Amino acid sequence: LEDDITASVVVAAGELQGLNPEYRQPSVKFVKNTERRLFQRPDDAIHPGYDKQTERDFAQPGNFFSNYEPLTGADAIGLMEEAITFDQFTAPMQEIIRRAANGGDGACFVSSAHPRIVEGKPSKNPRYLQLRQDFADPRDTYLAEIGTRLRRRIPLRRPVYTPVNAVLPGRRNNPPEGPIRPLAVFNPIHYLELPELFMEFICSMTGKSPSTTGAGSEGALTKGPFNALPPIIDLNAALVSYLLTGDAVFVTAAGYVGPHFRVDHDVSLLVPEVWSRMAVAERDPRFLIDGGYLEKCTDFIHNGRTVRASLLGYRITKRFVAAFFGRVFNHPDTVLTETMLRPELQDAAIFAEGMENIIATQSRVAQSYFDDGSIESACPPLRALLHLMVHEQFEGKDLAHPEVRALFTRDHMLASGWYAERLSAKQAVNARLWARHVRTLEAFVAKPNYSDEAARLRIADRLERARKTLDAIRAPEYAKSLRGTIGVQPLKTA
């Protein structure tokens, strides 16, 4: 599960043993969350007993809270006297309240249902740092690994590989609210092909949430202080990753589905439950499209103006809801109605304005890549896409042109010069790294006063291995062995 800061690597599947044989990806991606704690906003925890995980977390020592009201022993006594409300809390939260009530005048505690009061009302942006689940409950992580090992018959001496096999990002939507424009055009699940998907990624657009002052373009690519490189570097690497792995991306709705149905995070949390009940073949976009489980969004005319709904890719249909949500619900059609599946039926004018909002934001964000010159560092597919986002054409071709779509295929990339340059750059980076290793080991061995330590650490053996590795990396055939990986962005030095 990815959060704000994740490290990842792409490996050619043929280099690994023990992968799940049901998946036929030519390359696989591995991710590792680099954060020990996750910055959570538990919106539903304001209802006592509803968010059991959050209440369990709040009962643990060593927590970090933001925008929660500091409550006293007197507050705890008052909560206990409200017997019905107190009984709704889970046992861990009840115990915290009891301890505070018995702690005397100096007692102080935080309740998951009591955000800080700001300007006379509860804050809509309460946060806490949640310990990652694999740290909080390592037993579940171990059982998952050992179960996978047994299922695939992997010997103990070999690692268990768990690459990415589903990409299900959330997409926040919002209805119009005062000066904030509507962004409520997505149904619960959309499948986006790479051109449309990367228009979304480049734009990094979000609807209004309780933790923001408005809507607009934000997210990981706009958090400049966390990344000194231009965003195009990460975008190039991300596109190469998707082209190599063939991972399909299904975007899930959060906040609202259409302007009238508030869903908060319910859909985003539900979709993994649905996905886990689908066979691997059933998750294939081609199977879903051919079977009528996904329908293509098409442009239409509203009040004499073209609404470019085709930018939304494909969306789930009633057939998808019956077949797959029916594995979770007895009557899925009452959960996801026709107007939720087709948000334009809720309000065509709001839908049209939402699409105009998306297109305007995409154009504005893409223009920044021209303004700062980073368009020159874009790989050819993304360069074409940026032109399309700003000018609605690239070399006289629109987004649907076969030549534009062909740029976003694995075969086209593997045969391209720009991908070969990435592999050559990676070879050069690795050669510099191992040359530095060799120099460091040579310098260590050359110090007479370190001779005993060098013998103990077997530095001579390490130096020999480092030299052999460096020779292998410098060999012409090494770049070929890198095919199936993302390589490195060739950077021009000033």
Protein backbone atom coordinates (compact mmCIF):
# COMPACT_ATOMS: atom_id res chain seq x y z
CA LEU A 1 0.00 0.00 0.00
CA GLU A 2 1.49 3.32 -1.07
CA ASP A 3 1.24 6.48 0.98
CA ASP A 4 2.89 9.89 0.63
CA ILE A 5 6.50 8.69 0.44
CA THR A 6 7.23 5.33 -1.16
CA ALA A 7 10.37 3.76 -2.60
CA SER A 8 9.94 1.47 -5.60
CA VAL A 9 11.90 -0.63 -8.07
CA VAL A 10 10.96 -2.32 -11.36
CA VAL A 11 12.51 -5.69 -12.20
CA ALA A 12 12.22 -7.91 -15.27
CA ALA A 13 9.99 -10.81 -14.21
CA GLY A 14 12.29 -13.34 -15.87
CA GLU A 15 15.00 -12.51 -13.32
CA LEU A 16 12.88 -13.73 -10.39
CA GLN A 17 11.71 -17.13 -9.17
CA GLY A 18 8.55 -17.89 -7.23
CA LEU A 19 6.27 -15.21 -8.64
CA ASN A 20 2.53 -15.82 -8.77
CA PRO A 21 2.04 -17.82 -12.01
CA GLU A 22 -1.43 -16.32 -12.55
CA TYR A 23 0.15 -13.00 -13.48
CA ARG A 24 1.98 -12.68 -16.80
CA GLN A 25 3.61 -9.27 -16.40
CA PRO A 26 6.89 -8.94 -18.33
CA SER A 27 8.24 -6.71 -15.54
CA VAL A 28 7.09 -6.31 -11.95
CA LYS A 29 7.15 -3.40 -9.54
CA PHE A 30 7.96 -3.60 -5.84
CA VAL A 31 7.05 -0.81 -3.44
CA LYS A 32 8.10 -0.07 0.12
CA ASN A 33 6.47 2.58 2.26
CA THR A 34 9.31 4.63 3.73
CA GLU A 35 7.24 6.07 6.58
CA ARG A 36 6.83 4.34 9.92
CA ARG A 37 3.73 6.37 10.72
CA LEU A 38 0.94 7.52 8.41
CA PHE A 39 -0.62 11.00 8.66
CA GLN A 40 -4.26 10.02 9.01
CA ARG A 41 -7.46 12.07 9.14
CA PRO A 42 -10.06 9.71 10.67
CA ASP A 43 -13.23 11.50 9.54
CA ASP A 44 -15.60 8.75 10.67
CA ALA A 45 -14.10 8.49 14.16
CA ILE A 46 -16.21 11.46 15.25
CA HIS A 47 -19.00 8.88 15.64
CA PRO A 48 -18.22 6.87 18.80
CA GLY A 49 -17.56 3.22 18.07
CA TYR A 50 -17.70 3.55 14.28
CA ASP A 51 -13.97 3.60 13.48
CA LYS A 52 -12.69 0.71 15.59
CA GLN A 53 -9.15 0.89 14.23
CA THR A 54 -8.74 4.55 15.16
CA GLU A 55 -10.11 4.02 18.66
CA ARG A 56 -7.72 1.12 19.15
CA ASP A 57 -4.83 3.32 17.95
CA PHE A 58 -5.82 6.17 20.28
CA ALA A 59 -5.64 3.81 23.25
CA GLN A 60 -1.97 3.04 22.58
CA PRO A 61 0.89 4.98 24.20
CA GLY A 62 3.27 7.19 22.22
CA ASN A 63 0.74 8.83 19.90
CA PHE A 64 1.03 12.15 18.05
CA PHE A 65 -2.18 14.18 17.71
CA SER A 66 -3.08 17.35 15.82
CA ASN A 67 -6.33 19.33 16.05
CA TYR A 68 -7.80 17.22 18.85
CA GLU A 69 -9.28 18.83 21.95
CA PRO A 70 -7.24 18.25 25.14
CA LEU A 71 -9.82 16.81 27.52
CA THR A 72 -9.62 16.72 31.32
CA GLY A 73 -10.69 14.33 34.03
CA ALA A 74 -13.90 16.33 34.43
CA ASP A 75 -14.61 15.85 30.71
CA ALA A 76 -14.07 12.11 31.15
CA ILE A 77 -16.56 11.99 34.01
CA GLY A 78 -19.07 13.86 31.85
CA LEU A 79 -18.60 11.36 29.01
CA MET A 80 -19.17 8.43 31.36
CA GLU A 81 -22.35 10.04 32.64
CA GLU A 82 -23.66 10.10 29.05
CA ALA A 83 -24.25 6.37 29.30
CA ILE A 84 -25.60 5.77 25.80
CA THR A 85 -22.76 7.63 24.07
CA PHE A 86 -20.13 6.10 26.35
CA ASP A 87 -21.40 2.60 25.62
CA GLN A 88 -21.00 3.21 21.88
CA PHE A 89 -17.22 3.59 22.22
CA THR A 90 -15.14 0.47 21.76
CA ALA A 91 -13.52 -1.11 24.83
CA PRO A 92 -10.06 0.49 24.32
CA MET A 93 -11.53 4.00 24.15
CA GLN A 94 -13.78 3.33 27.14
CA GLU A 95 -10.73 2.29 29.15
CA ILE A 96 -8.92 5.54 28.27
CA ILE A 97 -11.93 7.56 29.44
CA ARG A 98 -12.22 5.56 32.68
CA ARG A 99 -8.54 6.06 33.48
CA ALA A 100 -8.85 9.79 32.88
CA ALA A 101 -11.97 9.98 35.05
CA ASN A 102 -10.10 8.29 37.90
CA GLY A 103 -6.92 10.29 37.37
CA GLY A 104 -7.90 13.38 39.32
CA ASP A 105 -7.44 17.02 38.38
CA GLY A 106 -4.18 16.47 36.49
CA ALA A 107 -5.62 13.94 34.04
CA CYS A 108 -5.54 14.82 30.35
CA PHE A 109 -6.55 12.69 27.38
CA VAL A 110 -7.67 12.79 23.76
CA SER A 111 -10.89 11.27 22.44
CA SER A 112 -11.21 10.15 18.83
CA ALA A 113 -14.72 11.67 18.77
CA HIS A 114 -13.68 15.13 19.99
CA PRO A 115 -11.67 17.25 17.51
CA ARG A 116 -10.35 20.61 18.66
CA ILE A 117 -12.94 23.38 18.78
CA VAL A 118 -11.98 26.09 16.29
CA GLU A 119 -14.10 29.24 15.98
CA GLY A 120 -16.84 27.60 18.00
CA LYS A 121 -17.11 24.33 16.06
CA PRO A 122 -15.14 21.07 15.73
CA SER A 123 -12.19 21.17 13.33
CA LYS A 124 -12.74 19.26 10.11
CA ASN A 125 -9.04 18.44 9.89
CA PRO A 126 -8.13 16.34 12.95
CA ARG A 127 -5.02 14.24 12.39
CA TYR A 128 -2.89 11.64 14.10
CA LEU A 129 0.18 9.62 13.19
CA GLN A 130 -0.92 6.01 12.84
CA LEU A 131 1.69 3.32 13.33
CA ARG A 132 1.84 1.30 10.12
CA GLN A 133 -0.15 -1.92 10.32
CA ASP A 134 2.81 -4.18 9.58
CA PHE A 135 4.56 -2.69 12.63
CA ALA A 136 1.45 -2.61 14.81
CA ASP A 137 0.47 -6.19 13.98
CA PRO A 138 3.49 -8.08 12.59
CA ARG A 139 1.72 -11.39 13.11
CA ASP A 140 -0.69 -10.71 10.23
CA THR A 141 2.22 -9.74 7.98
CA TYR A 142 4.05 -12.95 8.88
CA LEU A 143 0.98 -15.11 8.29
CA ALA A 144 0.45 -13.50 4.88
CA GLU A 145 4.05 -14.22 3.93
CA ILE A 146 4.08 -17.79 5.18
CA GLY A 147 0.73 -18.48 3.50
CA THR A 148 2.10 -17.19 0.20
CA ARG A 149 5.25 -19.26 0.64
CA LEU A 150 3.23 -22.44 1.20
CA ARG A 151 0.82 -21.71 -1.65
CA ARG A 152 3.66 -21.16 -4.15
CA ARG A 153 5.86 -23.90 -2.63
CA ILE A 154 8.80 -21.53 -2.15
CA PRO A 155 11.71 -23.01 -0.17
CA LEU A 156 12.76 -21.24 3.02
CA ARG A 157 16.09 -20.23 1.50
CA ARG A 158 14.33 -18.14 -1.18
CA PRO A 159 12.53 -14.83 -0.69
CA VAL A 160 8.78 -14.43 -1.13
CA TYR A 161 8.12 -11.80 -3.79
CA THR A 162 4.96 -9.70 -3.52
CA PRO A 163 4.98 -7.25 -6.43
CA VAL A 164 2.24 -4.78 -7.26
CA ASN A 165 -0.70 -6.49 -8.96
CA ALA A 166 -3.43 -3.86 -8.54
CA VAL A 167 -3.26 -0.07 -8.83
CA LEU A 168 -6.38 1.57 -7.38
CA PRO A 169 -5.76 5.26 -6.63
CA GLY A 170 -8.47 7.40 -5.07
CA ARG A 171 -9.85 10.48 -6.81
CA ARG A 172 -11.48 13.14 -4.63
CA ASN A 173 -14.56 14.85 -6.07
CA ASN A 174 -16.70 17.74 -4.85
CA PRO A 175 -19.97 19.48 -5.77
CA PRO A 176 -20.04 23.25 -6.37
CA GLU A 177 -19.67 25.19 -3.13
CA GLY A 178 -19.56 28.97 -3.27
CA PRO A 179 -16.54 30.01 -5.36
CA ILE A 180 -15.27 26.41 -5.58
CA ARG A 181 -16.01 24.92 -8.98
CA PRO A 182 -17.57 21.45 -9.24
CA LEU A 183 -15.45 18.38 -9.76
CA ALA A 184 -17.94 15.53 -9.69
CA VAL A 185 -17.72 13.74 -13.04
CA PHE A 186 -16.39 10.32 -12.00
CA ASN A 187 -18.55 7.32 -11.25
CA PRO A 188 -17.29 4.89 -8.55
CA ILE A 189 -14.60 3.24 -10.72
CA HIS A 190 -12.95 4.41 -13.94
CA TYR A 191 -10.33 2.64 -16.01
CA LEU A 192 -7.95 5.09 -17.69
CA GLU A 193 -5.59 4.15 -20.49
CA LEU A 194 -2.10 5.62 -20.21
CA PRO A 195 -2.65 8.88 -22.17
CA GLU A 196 -5.72 9.87 -20.14
CA LEU A 197 -4.15 8.52 -16.95
CA PHE A 198 -1.05 10.65 -17.31
CA MET A 199 -3.11 13.72 -18.07
CA GLU A 200 -4.58 13.07 -14.60
CA PHE A 201 -1.16 12.45 -13.05
CA ILE A 202 0.41 15.54 -14.62
CA CYS A 203 -2.49 17.69 -13.51
CA SER A 204 -2.49 16.08 -10.03
CA MET A 205 -5.93 17.62 -9.54
CA THR A 206 -8.05 17.11 -6.46
CA GLY A 207 -11.43 18.13 -5.21
CA LYS A 208 -11.97 20.05 -2.00
CA SER A 209 -11.37 18.05 1.17
CA PRO A 210 -11.62 18.88 4.90
CA SER A 211 -7.86 19.33 5.00
CA THR A 212 -7.66 21.91 2.20
CA THR A 213 -8.93 25.43 1.76
CA GLY A 214 -10.10 24.74 -1.77
CA ALA A 215 -9.76 22.54 -4.82
CA GLY A 216 -7.06 22.51 -7.45
CA SER A 217 -3.80 20.88 -8.42
CA GLU A 218 -1.93 19.42 -5.49
CA GLY A 219 -0.59 16.08 -4.32
CA ALA A 220 2.85 14.51 -4.37
CA LEU A 221 4.09 16.21 -7.55
CA THR A 222 3.45 19.70 -6.18
CA LYS A 223 5.22 19.16 -2.84
CA GLY A 224 8.43 20.76 -4.02
CA PRO A 225 10.21 20.86 -0.65
CA PHE A 226 10.21 17.06 -0.58
CA ASN A 227 11.78 16.67 -4.01
CA ALA A 228 14.39 18.96 -5.53
CA LEU A 229 14.07 17.45 -9.02
CA PRO A 230 11.63 18.82 -11.62
CA PRO A 231 8.36 16.82 -11.67
CA ILE A 232 9.03 15.68 -15.25
CA ILE A 233 11.81 13.39 -13.95
CA ASP A 234 9.36 11.45 -11.81
CA LEU A 235 6.72 11.47 -14.54
CA ASN A 236 9.13 9.98 -17.08
CA ALA A 237 10.07 7.21 -14.64
CA ALA A 238 6.42 6.54 -13.79
CA LEU A 239 5.45 6.20 -17.46
CA VAL A 240 8.33 3.80 -18.13
CA SER A 241 7.25 1.77 -15.11
CA TYR A 242 3.65 1.45 -16.33
CA LEU A 243 4.74 0.61 -19.87
CA LEU A 244 7.08 -2.11 -18.61
CA THR A 245 4.71 -3.74 -16.12
CA GLY A 246 1.48 -3.33 -18.06
CA ASP A 247 -0.30 -2.51 -14.79
CA ALA A 248 -3.86 -1.33 -15.40
CA VAL A 249 -5.03 1.60 -13.28
CA PHE A 250 -8.57 1.85 -11.96
CA VAL A 251 -9.39 5.20 -10.35
CA THR A 252 -11.87 5.10 -7.46
CA ALA A 253 -14.09 7.96 -6.35
CA ALA A 254 -13.78 9.63 -2.95
CA GLY A 255 -15.79 12.41 -1.40
CA TYR A 256 -18.68 12.46 -3.87
CA VAL A 257 -20.03 10.46 -6.79
CA GLY A 258 -21.72 13.12 -8.85
CA PRO A 259 -22.81 16.29 -7.06
CA HIS A 260 -25.57 14.65 -5.00
CA PHE A 261 -24.08 11.46 -3.50
CA ARG A 262 -21.58 11.92 -0.69
CA VAL A 263 -19.49 8.78 -0.22
CA ASP A 264 -16.44 10.04 1.72
CA HIS A 265 -13.91 7.16 1.50
CA ASP A 266 -16.50 4.38 1.39
CA VAL A 267 -15.90 3.50 -2.27
CA SER A 268 -12.10 3.64 -1.97
CA LEU A 269 -12.25 1.26 1.00
CA LEU A 270 -14.79 -1.01 -0.66
CA VAL A 271 -13.01 -1.51 -3.99
CA PRO A 272 -10.12 -3.59 -2.57
CA GLU A 273 -12.76 -5.91 -1.07
CA VAL A 274 -14.32 -6.28 -4.53
CA TRP A 275 -10.94 -6.71 -6.24
CA SER A 276 -9.90 -9.46 -3.84
CA ARG A 277 -12.99 -11.41 -4.89
CA MET A 278 -12.23 -11.13 -8.62
CA ALA A 279 -10.13 -13.63 -10.51
CA VAL A 280 -6.96 -12.32 -12.14
CA ALA A 281 -8.51 -12.67 -15.60
CA GLU A 282 -11.58 -10.71 -14.47
CA ARG A 283 -9.44 -7.69 -13.61
CA ASP A 284 -8.12 -7.47 -17.17
CA PRO A 285 -9.44 -4.27 -18.79
CA ARG A 286 -9.89 -6.01 -22.14
CA PHE A 287 -12.06 -8.69 -20.52
CA LEU A 288 -14.11 -6.03 -18.73
CA ILE A 289 -14.59 -3.93 -21.86
CA ASP A 290 -15.46 -6.86 -24.12
CA GLY A 291 -17.89 -8.22 -21.53
CA GLY A 292 -19.77 -4.95 -21.12
CA TYR A 293 -18.53 -4.44 -17.56
CA LEU A 294 -16.88 -1.17 -18.61
CA GLU A 295 -18.32 1.42 -20.99
CA LYS A 296 -16.35 4.06 -22.85
CA CYS A 297 -17.12 7.63 -21.87
CA THR A 298 -17.99 9.65 -24.95
CA ASP A 299 -18.18 13.34 -25.74
CA PHE A 300 -21.62 14.91 -25.89
CA ILE A 301 -23.23 18.28 -26.55
CA HIS A 302 -24.71 20.34 -23.71
CA ASN A 303 -26.25 23.74 -24.39
CA GLY A 304 -24.46 23.87 -27.72
CA ARG A 305 -21.00 23.12 -26.27
CA THR A 306 -18.98 19.90 -26.54
CA VAL A 307 -18.38 18.19 -23.20
CA ARG A 308 -15.13 16.20 -23.55
CA ALA A 309 -16.21 13.29 -21.36
CA SER A 310 -13.97 10.95 -23.38
CA LEU A 311 -11.08 12.16 -21.18
CA LEU A 312 -12.62 10.08 -18.38
CA GLY A 313 -11.72 6.81 -20.10
CA TYR A 314 -14.00 3.88 -19.23
CA ARG A 315 -16.40 3.53 -16.31
CA ILE A 316 -18.16 0.61 -14.65
CA THR A 317 -21.66 -0.38 -15.73
CA LYS A 318 -24.70 -2.02 -14.11
CA ARG A 319 -23.32 -5.32 -15.35
CA PHE A 320 -20.10 -4.76 -13.38
CA VAL A 321 -22.07 -3.84 -10.26
CA ALA A 322 -24.24 -6.96 -10.49
CA ALA A 323 -21.37 -9.32 -11.23
CA PHE A 324 -18.67 -8.06 -8.87
CA PHE A 325 -20.22 -5.83 -6.22
CA GLY A 326 -22.76 -8.64 -5.94
CA ARG A 327 -20.00 -10.70 -4.33
CA VAL A 328 -20.04 -8.25 -1.42
CA PHE A 329 -23.68 -7.05 -1.31
CA ASN A 330 -26.93 -8.96 -1.67
CA HIS A 331 -28.56 -6.10 -3.60
CA PRO A 332 -25.69 -4.09 -5.14
CA ASP A 333 -28.01 -2.13 -7.45
CA THR A 334 -29.49 -0.39 -4.40
CA VAL A 335 -25.99 0.64 -3.29
CA LEU A 336 -24.77 1.92 -6.67
CA THR A 337 -27.69 3.37 -8.57
CA GLU A 338 -28.01 4.37 -12.22
CA THR A 339 -27.41 8.04 -11.44
CA MET A 340 -24.23 7.15 -9.53
CA LEU A 341 -22.97 5.16 -12.49
CA ARG A 342 -23.81 8.06 -14.83
CA PRO A 343 -23.22 11.27 -12.87
CA GLU A 344 -24.31 13.44 -15.80
CA LEU A 345 -27.87 12.26 -15.07
CA GLN A 346 -27.73 13.96 -11.67
CA ASP A 347 -27.07 17.39 -13.17
CA ALA A 348 -25.81 17.79 -16.73
CA ALA A 349 -24.79 21.42 -16.20
CA ILE A 350 -22.65 20.60 -13.16
CA PHE A 351 -21.11 17.67 -15.04
CA ALA A 352 -20.25 19.93 -17.99
CA GLU A 353 -18.71 22.56 -15.71
CA GLY A 354 -16.72 19.84 -13.94
CA MET A 355 -15.21 18.74 -17.25
CA GLU A 356 -14.38 22.36 -18.13
CA ASN A 357 -12.72 22.66 -14.72
CA ILE A 358 -10.57 19.60 -15.39
CA ILE A 359 -9.55 20.72 -18.89
CA ALA A 360 -8.70 24.25 -17.74
CA THR A 361 -6.58 22.94 -14.87
CA GLN A 362 -4.83 20.42 -17.10
CA SER A 363 -3.96 23.16 -19.56
CA ARG A 364 -2.71 25.50 -16.82
CA VAL A 365 -0.52 22.85 -15.17
CA ALA A 366 0.87 21.59 -18.50
CA GLN A 367 1.76 25.16 -19.50
CA SER A 368 4.12 25.33 -16.52
CA TYR A 369 6.28 22.62 -18.14
CA PHE A 370 6.73 24.91 -21.15
CA ASP A 371 7.34 27.97 -18.97
CA ASP A 372 10.17 26.41 -16.94
CA GLY A 373 11.70 24.56 -19.90
CA SER A 374 11.24 21.08 -18.42
CA ILE A 375 9.29 20.10 -21.54
CA GLU A 376 12.74 19.54 -23.06
CA SER A 377 13.38 16.75 -20.54
CA ALA A 378 10.07 15.00 -21.23
CA CYS A 379 10.23 11.64 -22.95
CA PRO A 380 8.51 11.68 -26.39
CA PRO A 381 5.14 10.29 -25.20
CA LEU A 382 4.87 12.85 -22.40
CA ARG A 383 6.10 15.66 -24.64
CA ALA A 384 3.24 14.86 -27.01
CA LEU A 385 0.80 14.70 -24.11
CA LEU A 386 1.87 18.07 -22.72
CA HIS A 387 1.34 19.64 -26.15
CA LEU A 388 -2.10 18.05 -26.33
CA MET A 389 -3.02 19.36 -22.88
CA VAL A 390 -2.07 22.91 -23.82
CA HIS A 391 -2.79 23.09 -27.55
CA GLU A 392 -5.27 20.16 -28.01
CA GLN A 393 -3.06 18.85 -30.82
CA PHE A 394 0.47 17.55 -31.38
CA GLU A 395 1.95 17.85 -34.85
CA GLY A 396 -1.59 18.10 -36.19
CA LYS A 397 -2.80 14.96 -34.37
CA ASP A 398 -5.39 14.79 -31.60
CA LEU A 399 -5.42 12.49 -28.57
CA ALA A 400 -7.32 9.75 -30.40
CA HIS A 401 -4.88 9.58 -33.34
CA PRO A 402 -3.35 6.09 -33.72
CA GLU A 403 0.19 7.50 -33.88
CA VAL A 404 -0.30 9.29 -30.56
CA ARG A 405 -1.78 6.18 -28.93
CA ALA A 406 1.11 4.08 -30.28
CA LEU A 407 3.58 6.22 -28.32
CA PHE A 408 2.09 4.74 -25.15
CA THR A 409 2.79 1.08 -25.95
CA ARG A 410 5.48 -1.15 -24.50
CA ASP A 411 6.80 -2.29 -27.88
CA HIS A 412 7.20 1.29 -29.10
CA MET A 413 9.14 2.24 -25.98
CA LEU A 414 11.44 -0.82 -26.07
CA ALA A 415 12.36 -0.02 -29.67
CA SER A 416 12.92 3.67 -29.01
CA GLY A 417 16.19 5.53 -28.73
CA TRP A 418 15.09 7.42 -25.63
CA TYR A 419 14.62 4.19 -23.67
CA ALA A 420 18.05 2.97 -24.80
CA GLU A 421 19.49 6.26 -23.51
CA ARG A 422 17.91 5.61 -20.10
CA LEU A 423 19.59 2.19 -19.95
CA SER A 424 22.96 3.65 -21.00
CA ALA A 425 22.61 6.32 -18.33
CA LYS A 426 21.86 3.63 -15.75
CA GLN A 427 24.96 1.70 -16.85
CA ALA A 428 27.05 4.85 -16.38
CA VAL A 429 25.56 5.49 -12.93
CA ASN A 430 26.26 1.93 -11.80
CA ALA A 431 29.80 2.10 -13.18
CA ARG A 432 30.50 5.30 -11.23
CA LEU A 433 29.10 3.70 -8.07
CA TRP A 434 31.22 0.57 -8.30
CA ALA A 435 34.32 2.54 -9.28
CA ARG A 436 33.84 4.48 -6.07
CA HIS A 437 33.48 1.21 -4.14
CA VAL A 438 36.77 0.01 -5.62
CA ARG A 439 38.57 3.26 -4.76
CA THR A 440 37.27 3.19 -1.20
CA LEU A 441 38.36 -0.42 -0.64
CA GLU A 442 41.76 0.24 -2.22
CA ALA A 443 42.28 3.22 0.07
CA PHE A 444 41.34 1.12 3.09
CA VAL A 445 43.73 -1.70 2.18
CA ALA A 446 46.56 0.78 1.57
CA LYS A 447 46.58 1.98 5.20
CA PRO A 448 49.19 -0.06 7.14
CA ASN A 449 47.59 0.65 10.51
CA TYR A 450 44.34 -0.95 9.23
CA SER A 451 45.96 -4.22 8.13
CA ASP A 452 44.55 -6.33 10.98
CA GLU A 453 41.07 -4.89 10.50
CA ALA A 454 41.30 -5.38 6.73
CA ALA A 455 42.13 -9.04 7.28
CA ARG A 456 39.28 -9.48 9.75
CA LEU A 457 36.78 -7.91 7.36
CA ARG A 458 38.23 -9.79 4.37
CA ILE A 459 38.62 -6.54 2.47
CA ALA A 460 40.83 -8.18 -0.18
CA ASP A 461 38.00 -10.56 -1.11
CA ARG A 462 35.53 -7.71 -1.21
CA LEU A 463 37.86 -5.68 -3.39
CA GLU A 464 38.21 -8.57 -5.84
CA ARG A 465 34.42 -8.95 -6.07
CA ALA A 466 34.00 -5.20 -6.53
CA ARG A 467 36.52 -5.16 -9.40
CA LYS A 468 34.76 -8.08 -11.10
CA THR A 469 31.40 -6.37 -10.71
CA LEU A 470 32.81 -3.14 -12.16
CA ASP A 471 34.24 -5.01 -15.16
CA ALA A 472 30.86 -6.69 -15.75
CA ILE A 473 29.05 -3.35 -15.60
CA ARG A 474 31.45 -1.74 -18.06
CA ALA A 475 30.96 -4.58 -20.58
CA PRO A 476 28.87 -3.61 -23.65
CA GLU A 477 26.31 -6.36 -23.02
CA TYR A 478 25.46 -5.02 -19.54
CA ALA A 479 22.98 -2.47 -20.92
CA LYS A 480 21.03 -5.32 -22.53
CA SER A 481 20.62 -6.97 -19.12
CA LEU A 482 18.90 -3.80 -17.92
CA ARG A 483 16.01 -4.17 -20.38
CA GLY A 484 12.81 -4.44 -18.40
CA THR A 485 13.93 -1.88 -15.81
CA ILE A 486 13.22 1.86 -15.78
CA GLY A 487 16.85 2.91 -16.23
CA VAL A 488 17.82 6.47 -15.29
CA GLN A 489 16.88 9.87 -16.66
CA PRO A 490 19.86 11.22 -18.67
CA LEU A 491 20.54 14.59 -17.06
CA LYS A 492 22.33 17.39 -18.87
CA THR A 493 25.08 18.98 -16.80
CA ALA A 494 25.45 22.74 -16.83
